């Protein structure tokens, strides 16, 4: 399969995206030279860390913001189906890696955990019922149940129903195909496998500059943070997968694709409970509905987590603001990202996003007691002494000019590839990690157009549904789903 030319690939960032892209390239082109540079001392310490994200295998089974309702009461499931299709791609790829011995012990990075949606109020209950009616017979969502019955809700969510004064106008949906994913463990396993296959992984190495040295190659300047020395590496292809640090590095390329793009950092907090007596009363990821005027990233959810063999509960997120683009970043990140080519995009966004600004200010003013009161809307019996506060990862929401106008704030994952395919960058936030395989295949497709057609033969072996829509092929989905769940031990 290998091309005659052995390309030099540089991956920037030690997270799930770089790990996934590296794994794909190494299998498609074993002779290519791969180098990964990460500023921190180990992989998956920023956004891919299990404590810096909710660990939800984003499959749209419970996330209500993927099924918007219009003014006429029509529910659109298009985005939910699209997200789930991408999730299926990740599951199939991970199963392939387990089968081929490249990933070990899937139970360490993925667990079967039911996904539930929970709502209060007549209008929201009506919305949830319409949503379930549209999804329950769809191949990817088959088996989704709806209930407003007290006994059923107590069975599904005993911790949340305990101590509840009224059961009027509340409802939930339940589906047992959901998962909890430790993306940190998955990332580590992927990088371990890459290193075994000859990739060079350099930690405590910061990429400080990117310069084009001819029509097709890049000079990557890297600072060894241990010695303080600078190194220079020549790359045929550079992937910028540095989470919140991707935008500043993309700007250093001076590519046309790097212009008129800004970033808005949002930090987050979660409440965490590790009291076994409380934790064992809840099994599921329960997503509510964002409050009126709040952004999609603010959807409250109570999550069962399995991290390093220990079960815990997380509730949140509570939004915060920091000008840093990474938890370990600089307070000057936001100001430094404003350039002459994106200043008007940033200003336009500021003018348009006044509701978001108000929301963030309201979140910043919350006290510990205020956060516990919000938790009690989910868990009426919650006690402050049982829950600790942890700071989650930084997320940089992309701001760009679109057909919706200048300075549009994008809630989601954005892939940017240069016209010549020599540089690609991954920006944005959720569903991110869950759709990493699809996103990285998309990077390969746009970056290596000459090679991609022959790679597709191999991709179809790795991902049986590649090139097809499982939504349209129920029988194929049932066969693949059964096999994948057995391999990943989530059946």
Protein backbone atom coordinates (compact mmCIF):
# COMPACT_ATOMS: atom_id res chain seq x y z
CA UNK A 1 0.00 0.00 0.00
CA UNK A 2 2.86 2.40 0.69
CA UNK A 3 3.59 5.32 -1.58
CA UNK A 4 7.03 5.57 -3.20
CA UNK A 5 7.67 8.78 -1.25
CA UNK A 6 7.97 8.25 2.51
CA UNK A 7 6.35 11.36 3.91
CA UNK A 8 7.25 13.09 7.16
CA UNK A 9 4.18 13.69 9.30
CA UNK A 10 4.15 15.99 12.34
CA UNK A 11 1.32 15.72 14.85
CA UNK A 12 0.97 18.63 17.27
CA UNK A 13 -0.78 17.75 20.53
CA UNK A 14 -1.00 14.57 22.59
CA UNK A 15 -4.79 14.19 22.57
CA UNK A 16 -7.33 11.82 21.04
CA UNK A 17 -7.31 13.55 17.63
CA UNK A 18 -3.55 13.25 17.03
CA UNK A 19 -3.58 9.70 18.38
CA UNK A 20 -6.41 8.69 16.04
CA UNK A 21 -4.88 10.33 12.99
CA UNK A 22 -1.49 8.79 13.75
CA UNK A 23 -3.04 5.33 14.12
CA UNK A 24 -4.87 5.64 10.80
CA UNK A 25 -1.79 6.86 8.91
CA UNK A 26 0.47 4.17 10.40
CA UNK A 27 -1.88 1.44 9.25
CA UNK A 28 -2.45 2.94 5.79
CA UNK A 29 1.21 3.92 5.21
CA UNK A 30 3.47 1.95 7.60
CA UNK A 31 6.66 3.43 6.13
CA UNK A 32 5.75 7.06 6.75
CA UNK A 33 7.72 8.85 9.45
CA UNK A 34 5.48 10.16 12.27
CA UNK A 35 6.57 12.58 15.00
CA UNK A 36 4.27 13.85 17.75
CA UNK A 37 5.07 16.86 19.94
CA UNK A 38 3.24 17.57 23.20
CA UNK A 39 3.96 20.46 25.58
CA UNK A 40 2.99 18.54 28.72
CA UNK A 41 4.81 15.57 30.25
CA UNK A 42 2.35 12.87 29.10
CA UNK A 43 -0.53 12.33 26.65
CA UNK A 44 -4.18 13.20 27.30
CA UNK A 45 -3.64 15.75 30.06
CA UNK A 46 -5.80 18.50 28.55
CA UNK A 47 -9.18 18.03 26.82
CA UNK A 48 -8.76 14.24 26.46
CA UNK A 49 -8.24 13.75 30.20
CA UNK A 50 -11.21 11.86 31.72
CA UNK A 51 -11.58 14.59 34.34
CA UNK A 52 -11.69 17.36 31.71
CA UNK A 53 -14.73 16.04 29.79
CA UNK A 54 -17.99 14.27 30.58
CA UNK A 55 -16.93 11.00 28.95
CA UNK A 56 -20.20 10.71 27.08
CA UNK A 57 -19.97 8.65 23.94
CA UNK A 58 -21.81 11.37 22.01
CA UNK A 59 -24.30 9.38 19.98
CA UNK A 60 -27.31 11.74 20.29
CA UNK A 61 -29.16 9.13 22.35
CA UNK A 62 -29.74 11.64 25.15
CA UNK A 63 -28.48 15.07 24.01
CA UNK A 64 -31.61 17.13 23.33
CA UNK A 65 -29.76 19.98 21.58
CA UNK A 66 -29.20 17.63 18.60
CA UNK A 67 -32.97 17.48 17.99
CA UNK A 68 -34.16 21.11 17.80
CA UNK A 69 -37.83 22.04 17.78
CA UNK A 70 -39.04 24.85 15.52
CA UNK A 71 -41.70 27.47 16.24
CA UNK A 72 -44.39 25.17 14.82
CA UNK A 73 -43.48 22.33 17.16
CA UNK A 74 -41.69 20.21 14.52
CA UNK A 75 -38.72 18.23 15.83
CA UNK A 76 -35.77 17.79 13.46
CA UNK A 77 -33.70 14.62 14.03
CA UNK A 78 -31.24 15.21 11.14
CA UNK A 79 -28.33 16.28 13.33
CA UNK A 80 -28.94 13.48 15.83
CA UNK A 81 -28.76 10.88 13.06
CA UNK A 82 -25.60 12.48 11.63
CA UNK A 83 -23.83 12.50 15.01
CA UNK A 84 -24.82 8.89 15.67
CA UNK A 85 -23.52 7.78 12.25
CA UNK A 86 -20.14 9.32 13.11
CA UNK A 87 -20.18 7.61 16.50
CA UNK A 88 -20.74 4.25 14.79
CA UNK A 89 -17.59 4.91 12.75
CA UNK A 90 -15.58 5.37 15.96
CA UNK A 91 -17.00 2.20 17.53
CA UNK A 92 -16.18 0.12 14.44
CA UNK A 93 -12.64 1.50 14.23
CA UNK A 94 -11.96 0.80 17.91
CA UNK A 95 -13.31 -2.74 17.49
CA UNK A 96 -10.99 -3.22 14.50
CA UNK A 97 -8.02 -2.05 16.59
CA UNK A 98 -8.96 -4.48 19.38
CA UNK A 99 -9.34 -7.35 16.91
CA UNK A 100 -5.94 -6.59 15.36
CA UNK A 101 -4.23 -6.35 18.76
CA UNK A 102 -3.53 -2.63 18.47
CA UNK A 103 -5.81 -1.78 21.38
CA UNK A 104 -5.92 -3.92 24.51
CA UNK A 105 -8.49 -4.31 27.26
CA UNK A 106 -11.40 -2.29 25.84
CA UNK A 107 -13.10 -2.46 29.25
CA UNK A 108 -10.48 0.02 30.45
CA UNK A 109 -11.67 2.75 28.07
CA UNK A 110 -15.35 2.01 27.33
CA UNK A 111 -18.25 0.87 29.51
CA UNK A 112 -21.91 0.26 28.79
CA UNK A 113 -23.92 2.97 30.58
CA UNK A 114 -27.60 3.78 29.76
CA UNK A 115 -28.35 7.19 28.24
CA UNK A 116 -31.42 9.10 29.42
CA UNK A 117 -33.06 12.44 28.65
CA UNK A 118 -34.96 14.12 31.48
CA UNK A 119 -37.37 17.07 31.29
CA UNK A 120 -39.80 19.03 33.45
CA UNK A 121 -42.87 21.05 32.38
CA UNK A 122 -45.79 20.27 30.05
CA UNK A 123 -44.19 21.74 26.91
CA UNK A 124 -40.91 19.92 27.46
CA UNK A 125 -42.68 16.63 28.15
CA UNK A 126 -44.62 17.03 24.87
CA UNK A 127 -41.33 17.76 23.05
CA UNK A 128 -39.62 14.71 24.55
CA UNK A 129 -42.51 12.45 23.55
CA UNK A 130 -42.41 13.74 19.94
CA UNK A 131 -38.66 13.22 19.86
CA UNK A 132 -38.95 9.64 21.10
CA UNK A 133 -41.74 8.84 18.61
CA UNK A 134 -39.46 9.97 15.77
CA UNK A 135 -36.41 8.06 17.03
CA UNK A 136 -37.73 4.81 18.54
CA UNK A 137 -38.21 3.04 15.19
CA UNK A 138 -35.06 4.45 13.60
CA UNK A 139 -32.34 1.76 13.20
CA UNK A 140 -29.76 3.69 15.23
CA UNK A 141 -32.15 4.59 18.06
CA UNK A 142 -34.34 1.49 18.17
CA UNK A 143 -35.46 0.55 21.65
CA UNK A 144 -35.64 4.08 23.06
CA UNK A 145 -38.37 4.13 25.73
CA UNK A 146 -40.44 7.06 27.01
CA UNK A 147 -42.13 7.30 30.38
CA UNK A 148 -43.81 9.79 32.69
CA UNK A 149 -44.83 7.02 35.09
CA UNK A 150 -43.59 7.46 38.67
CA UNK A 151 -42.64 3.79 39.21
CA UNK A 152 -40.76 3.58 35.90
CA UNK A 153 -38.87 6.81 36.54
CA UNK A 154 -37.93 5.55 40.02
CA UNK A 155 -36.61 2.37 38.43
CA UNK A 156 -34.59 4.26 35.81
CA UNK A 157 -33.29 7.05 38.06
CA UNK A 158 -33.66 6.11 41.76
CA UNK A 159 -31.23 8.75 43.01
CA UNK A 160 -32.95 11.52 41.04
CA UNK A 161 -36.46 10.50 42.08
CA UNK A 162 -35.72 10.11 45.80
CA UNK A 163 -37.14 12.92 47.93
CA UNK A 164 -39.01 14.44 44.99
CA UNK A 165 -42.15 16.30 46.13
CA UNK A 166 -44.05 16.14 42.85
CA UNK A 167 -44.05 13.81 39.87
CA UNK A 168 -46.37 16.02 37.79
CA UNK A 169 -45.15 17.02 34.32
CA UNK A 170 -41.84 15.18 34.37
CA UNK A 171 -40.70 12.56 31.89
CA UNK A 172 -37.63 10.73 30.62
CA UNK A 173 -36.43 8.56 27.78
CA UNK A 174 -34.19 5.55 28.33
CA UNK A 175 -31.95 3.55 26.00
CA UNK A 176 -29.39 0.98 27.12
CA UNK A 177 -27.04 1.37 24.13
CA UNK A 178 -25.21 4.30 25.71
CA UNK A 179 -21.59 4.31 26.86
CA UNK A 180 -19.12 6.04 29.14
CA UNK A 181 -15.71 6.54 27.50
CA UNK A 182 -12.39 7.25 29.16
CA UNK A 183 -10.78 9.14 26.29
CA UNK A 184 -7.60 9.54 28.31
CA UNK A 185 -7.07 5.78 28.55
CA UNK A 186 -7.99 5.34 24.88
CA UNK A 187 -5.51 8.04 23.84
CA UNK A 188 -2.71 6.46 25.89
CA UNK A 189 -3.33 3.03 24.34
CA UNK A 190 -3.33 4.50 20.83
CA UNK A 191 -0.03 6.31 21.43
CA UNK A 192 1.55 3.22 23.05
CA UNK A 193 0.69 1.28 19.91
CA UNK A 194 2.04 4.05 17.67
CA UNK A 195 5.32 4.10 19.57
CA UNK A 196 5.64 0.31 19.25
CA UNK A 197 5.32 0.79 15.49
CA UNK A 198 8.17 3.28 15.35
CA UNK A 199 6.50 6.67 15.77
CA UNK A 200 8.49 9.28 17.71
CA UNK A 201 6.58 10.74 20.68
CA UNK A 202 8.20 13.82 22.20
CA UNK A 203 6.72 15.12 25.46
CA UNK A 204 7.69 18.43 27.11
CA UNK A 205 8.31 19.72 23.58
CA UNK A 206 6.42 22.86 22.52
CA UNK A 207 5.85 23.78 18.88
CA UNK A 208 6.55 27.52 18.75
CA UNK A 209 6.50 28.29 15.01
CA UNK A 210 5.51 26.95 11.61
CA UNK A 211 7.09 28.27 8.40
CA UNK A 212 6.60 27.20 4.81
CA UNK A 213 10.01 26.48 3.29
CA UNK A 214 8.91 25.63 -0.24
CA UNK A 215 5.69 24.91 -2.08
CA UNK A 216 4.99 21.69 -0.22
CA UNK A 217 7.05 21.44 2.98
CA UNK A 218 7.00 23.05 6.42
CA UNK A 219 9.70 23.88 8.94
CA UNK A 220 8.41 23.14 12.43
CA UNK A 221 10.28 24.90 15.23
CA UNK A 222 10.07 22.98 18.49
CA UNK A 223 11.35 24.03 21.91
CA UNK A 224 12.62 21.29 24.22
CA UNK A 225 11.18 22.47 27.54
CA UNK A 226 13.69 20.42 29.52
CA UNK A 227 16.86 21.89 27.94
CA UNK A 228 15.47 25.12 26.49
CA UNK A 229 16.96 24.32 23.11
CA UNK A 230 15.20 24.78 19.79
CA UNK A 231 14.87 22.01 17.24
CA UNK A 232 13.80 22.27 13.61
CA UNK A 233 11.88 19.50 11.85
CA UNK A 234 10.87 19.30 8.20
CA UNK A 235 7.34 18.04 7.52
CA UNK A 236 5.38 17.17 4.40
CA UNK A 237 2.19 17.29 6.46
CA UNK A 238 1.37 18.99 9.76
CA UNK A 239 -1.70 18.23 11.87
CA UNK A 240 -2.55 20.81 14.53
CA UNK A 241 -4.55 18.92 17.13
CA UNK A 242 -3.60 20.96 20.17
CA UNK A 243 -7.11 21.63 21.52
CA UNK A 244 -7.37 25.25 22.59
CA UNK A 245 -3.79 25.75 21.40
CA UNK A 246 -4.69 24.96 17.78
CA UNK A 247 -5.90 28.43 16.78
CA UNK A 248 -2.67 30.32 17.67
CA UNK A 249 -0.60 27.70 15.83
CA UNK A 250 -2.88 27.81 12.79
CA UNK A 251 -2.45 31.60 12.74
CA UNK A 252 1.34 31.17 12.64
CA UNK A 253 1.03 29.37 9.28
CA UNK A 254 -0.31 32.61 7.70
CA UNK A 255 -2.41 30.41 5.39
CA UNK A 256 -5.51 32.00 3.84
CA UNK A 257 -7.58 29.43 5.78
CA UNK A 258 -6.22 30.81 9.07
CA UNK A 259 -7.66 34.29 8.48
CA UNK A 260 -11.03 35.65 9.63
CA UNK A 261 -11.23 33.00 12.35
CA UNK A 262 -11.34 33.73 16.05
CA UNK A 263 -11.81 31.77 19.23
CA UNK A 264 -13.80 32.33 22.40
CA UNK A 265 -12.57 30.35 25.44
CA UNK A 266 -15.07 28.91 27.92
CA UNK A 267 -13.99 27.09 31.05
CA UNK A 268 -16.15 24.72 33.03
CA UNK A 269 -16.72 23.27 36.47
CA UNK A 270 -18.26 19.96 37.50
CA UNK A 271 -19.51 18.72 40.85
CA UNK A 272 -18.17 15.24 41.61
CA UNK A 273 -19.34 12.64 44.12
CA UNK A 274 -17.28 9.57 45.04
CA UNK A 275 -19.32 8.35 48.02
CA UNK A 276 -20.04 4.73 47.09
CA UNK A 277 -23.43 4.65 48.81
CA UNK A 278 -24.63 7.59 46.69
CA UNK A 279 -22.77 6.66 43.50
CA UNK A 280 -24.27 3.16 43.44
CA UNK A 281 -27.81 4.57 43.42
CA UNK A 282 -27.34 5.94 39.89
CA UNK A 283 -26.40 4.23 36.65
CA UNK A 284 -26.71 6.39 33.56
CA UNK A 285 -25.94 9.60 31.77
CA UNK A 286 -28.99 11.80 32.24
CA UNK A 287 -29.14 14.91 30.06
CA UNK A 288 -31.61 17.71 30.70
CA UNK A 289 -32.55 20.67 28.56
CA UNK A 290 -30.61 23.94 28.43
CA UNK A 291 -32.41 26.83 30.08
CA UNK A 292 -33.91 29.51 27.84
CA UNK A 293 -31.14 31.78 26.54
CA UNK A 294 -28.35 29.43 27.58
CA UNK A 295 -25.93 28.00 24.96
CA UNK A 296 -25.90 24.29 23.98
CA UNK A 297 -22.72 23.68 25.99
CA UNK A 298 -24.64 24.47 29.19
CA UNK A 299 -26.97 21.44 29.07
CA UNK A 300 -27.10 20.05 32.64
CA UNK A 301 -26.33 16.36 33.01
CA UNK A 302 -25.72 13.80 35.75
CA UNK A 303 -23.17 11.24 34.59
CA UNK A 304 -21.99 7.87 35.80
CA UNK A 305 -18.23 7.80 35.20
CA UNK A 306 -15.75 4.94 35.28
CA UNK A 307 -12.24 6.36 35.63
CA UNK A 308 -9.23 4.15 36.41
CA UNK A 309 -11.49 1.40 37.73
CA UNK A 310 -13.46 3.65 40.09
CA UNK A 311 -17.09 4.65 39.69
CA UNK A 312 -18.12 8.25 40.41
CA UNK A 313 -20.82 10.78 39.57
CA UNK A 314 -20.35 14.09 37.78
CA UNK A 315 -22.90 16.90 37.53
CA UNK A 316 -22.57 20.01 35.43
CA UNK A 317 -21.24 21.74 33.54
CA UNK A 318 -21.13 25.16 35.15
CA UNK A 319 -19.62 27.62 32.72
CA UNK A 320 -16.82 29.98 33.63
CA UNK A 321 -14.57 32.35 31.78
CA UNK A 322 -10.81 32.45 31.50
CA UNK A 323 -8.83 34.15 28.70
CA UNK A 324 -6.62 31.02 28.61
CA UNK A 325 -7.03 28.73 25.58
CA UNK A 326 -5.75 25.74 27.58
CA UNK A 327 -5.90 24.91 31.30
CA UNK A 328 -2.11 25.20 31.25
CA UNK A 329 -2.19 28.19 28.88
CA UNK A 330 -1.50 31.91 29.30
CA UNK A 331 -3.85 34.67 30.45
CA UNK A 332 -2.79 36.52 27.28
CA UNK A 333 -4.06 33.77 24.90
CA UNK A 334 -7.30 35.53 23.97
CA UNK A 335 -5.72 38.95 23.39
CA UNK A 336 -2.84 37.41 21.41
CA UNK A 337 -5.31 35.62 19.13
CA UNK A 338 -6.82 38.91 17.91
CA UNK A 339 -5.16 39.80 14.60
CA UNK A 340 -5.81 42.47 11.95
CA UNK A 341 -7.47 39.81 9.76
CA UNK A 342 -9.96 38.65 12.44
CA UNK A 343 -10.56 41.71 14.61
CA UNK A 344 -13.82 42.60 12.85
CA UNK A 345 -14.98 38.99 13.03
CA UNK A 346 -14.33 39.03 16.78
CA UNK A 347 -16.04 42.40 17.28
CA UNK A 348 -19.08 41.30 15.26
CA UNK A 349 -19.37 38.19 17.42
CA UNK A 350 -19.15 40.24 20.59
CA UNK A 351 -22.03 42.41 19.43
CA UNK A 352 -24.15 39.37 18.48
CA UNK A 353 -23.45 37.23 21.53
CA UNK A 354 -24.75 39.49 24.30
CA UNK A 355 -27.03 36.70 25.66
CA UNK A 356 -23.99 34.42 25.96
CA UNK A 357 -22.07 37.16 27.78
CA UNK A 358 -24.97 37.61 30.22
CA UNK A 359 -25.12 33.84 30.75
CA UNK A 360 -21.39 33.60 31.49
CA UNK A 361 -21.58 36.50 33.94
CA UNK A 362 -24.48 34.82 35.74
CA UNK A 363 -22.47 31.57 35.94
CA UNK A 364 -19.40 33.37 37.27
CA UNK A 365 -21.51 34.83 40.08
CA UNK A 366 -22.68 31.41 41.28
CA UNK A 367 -21.52 30.38 44.75
CA UNK A 368 -20.93 26.79 45.89
CA UNK A 369 -24.39 26.85 47.47
CA UNK A 370 -25.93 28.08 44.21
CA UNK A 371 -24.37 25.17 42.32
CA UNK A 372 -25.71 22.68 44.88
CA UNK A 373 -29.18 24.22 44.45
CA UNK A 374 -28.94 23.56 40.70
CA UNK A 375 -27.83 19.99 41.44
CA UNK A 376 -30.92 19.57 43.64
CA UNK A 377 -33.13 20.16 40.60
CA UNK A 378 -31.72 16.80 39.47
CA UNK A 379 -31.00 15.19 42.86
CA UNK A 380 -33.38 16.64 45.49
CA UNK A 381 -31.58 14.90 48.38
CA UNK A 382 -28.09 16.18 47.44
CA UNK A 383 -25.95 17.40 50.36
CA UNK A 384 -23.12 19.88 49.88
CA UNK A 385 -20.64 17.83 51.92
CA UNK A 386 -20.96 14.86 49.51
CA UNK A 387 -19.91 16.80 46.39
CA UNK A 388 -16.58 18.39 45.46
CA UNK A 389 -15.91 20.92 42.70
CA UNK A 390 -13.45 20.14 39.92
CA UNK A 391 -12.28 22.39 37.09
CA UNK A 392 -12.92 20.84 33.68
CA UNK A 393 -10.96 21.48 30.50
CA UNK A 394 -10.93 24.71 28.52
CA UNK A 395 -12.97 24.74 25.31
CA UNK A 396 -12.35 27.32 22.59
CA UNK A 397 -15.51 27.91 20.57
CA UNK A 398 -14.76 28.85 16.96
CA UNK A 399 -15.84 32.26 15.64
CA UNK A 400 -15.96 32.68 11.87
CA UNK A 401 -17.79 34.44 9.06
CA UNK A 402 -20.56 32.28 7.60
CA UNK A 403 -23.68 32.70 5.47
CA UNK A 404 -25.41 33.56 8.76
CA UNK A 405 -23.26 36.67 8.99
CA UNK A 406 -19.94 37.95 10.22
CA UNK A 407 -18.64 36.71 13.56
CA UNK A 408 -20.82 33.61 13.95
CA UNK A 409 -20.09 31.59 17.08
CA UNK A 410 -19.85 27.90 16.15
CA UNK A 411 -20.86 25.32 18.76
CA UNK A 412 -19.25 22.10 17.60
CA UNK A 413 -16.14 20.64 15.99
CA UNK A 414 -14.48 22.42 13.05
CA UNK A 415 -11.90 20.87 10.73
CA UNK A 416 -9.75 23.23 8.65
CA UNK A 417 -7.53 21.93 5.83
CA UNK A 418 -5.26 24.10 3.68
CA UNK A 419 -5.99 24.15 -0.06
CA UNK A 420 -2.81 22.20 -0.82
CA UNK A 421 -3.53 19.69 1.95
CA UNK A 422 -0.21 20.18 3.76
CA UNK A 423 -1.73 21.56 6.99
CA UNK A 424 -4.87 20.53 8.85
CA UNK A 425 -6.23 21.79 12.15
CA UNK A 426 -8.98 20.65 14.48
CA UNK A 427 -10.80 23.39 16.39
CA UNK A 428 -13.87 23.61 18.59
CA UNK A 429 -15.56 21.39 21.12
CA UNK A 430 -18.27 18.72 21.49
CA UNK A 431 -18.98 16.16 20.03
CA UNK A 432 -15.24 16.18 19.21
CA UNK A 433 -13.64 13.09 20.77
CA UNK A 434 -16.64 10.84 20.09
CA UNK A 435 -16.47 11.57 16.37
CA UNK A 436 -12.66 11.57 16.18
CA UNK A 437 -12.42 8.72 13.67
CA UNK A 438 -14.80 10.36 11.21
CA UNK A 439 -13.09 13.73 11.67
CA UNK A 440 -9.62 12.30 11.03
CA UNK A 441 -10.75 10.32 7.98
CA UNK A 442 -12.12 13.61 6.70
CA UNK A 443 -8.67 15.19 7.26
CA UNK A 444 -7.02 12.38 5.27
CA UNK A 445 -9.55 12.74 2.47
CA UNK A 446 -8.85 16.44 2.00
CA UNK A 447 -5.12 16.35 2.73
CA UNK A 448 -4.09 13.35 0.62
CA UNK A 449 -6.41 13.41 -2.37
CA UNK A 450 -4.02 11.42 -4.59
CA UNK A 451 -3.71 8.56 -2.11
CA UNK A 452 -7.17 8.50 -0.64
CA UNK A 453 -8.88 6.42 -3.32
CA UNK A 454 -6.61 3.43 -2.70
CA UNK A 455 -6.79 3.96 1.08
CA UNK A 456 -10.55 3.52 0.89
CA UNK A 457 -10.02 -0.19 0.18
CA UNK A 458 -8.28 -0.52 3.56
CA UNK A 459 -10.73 1.77 5.36
CA UNK A 460 -13.60 -0.49 4.31
CA UNK A 461 -11.82 -3.40 6.01
CA UNK A 462 -11.38 -1.39 9.20
CA UNK A 463 -14.87 0.14 9.17
CA UNK A 464 -17.43 -2.25 7.60
CA UNK A 465 -20.04 0.48 7.06
CA UNK A 466 -17.57 2.90 5.42
CA UNK A 467 -19.21 4.68 2.49
CA UNK A 468 -22.70 3.63 3.57
CA UNK A 469 -25.38 5.11 5.78
CA UNK A 470 -26.37 2.70 8.51
CA UNK A 471 -29.58 4.72 8.87
CA UNK A 472 -30.66 3.25 5.54
CA UNK A 473 -29.47 -0.30 6.17
CA UNK A 474 -31.09 -1.76 9.27
CA UNK A 475 -29.93 -5.35 8.67
CA UNK A 476 -26.31 -4.29 8.12
CA UNK A 477 -26.42 -2.11 11.24
CA UNK A 478 -27.80 -4.96 13.37
CA UNK A 479 -25.00 -7.31 12.26
CA UNK A 480 -22.23 -4.70 12.75
CA UNK A 481 -23.64 -3.43 16.05
CA UNK A 482 -23.79 -6.95 17.54
CA UNK A 483 -20.22 -7.77 16.53
CA UNK A 484 -18.77 -4.40 17.63
CA UNK A 485 -20.44 -4.59 21.04
CA UNK A 486 -19.13 -8.10 21.62
CA UNK A 487 -15.56 -7.07 20.72
CA UNK A 488 -15.69 -3.93 22.90
CA UNK A 489 -17.48 -5.86 25.69
CA UNK A 490 -20.43 -3.47 25.79
CA UNK A 491 -23.12 -5.92 24.60
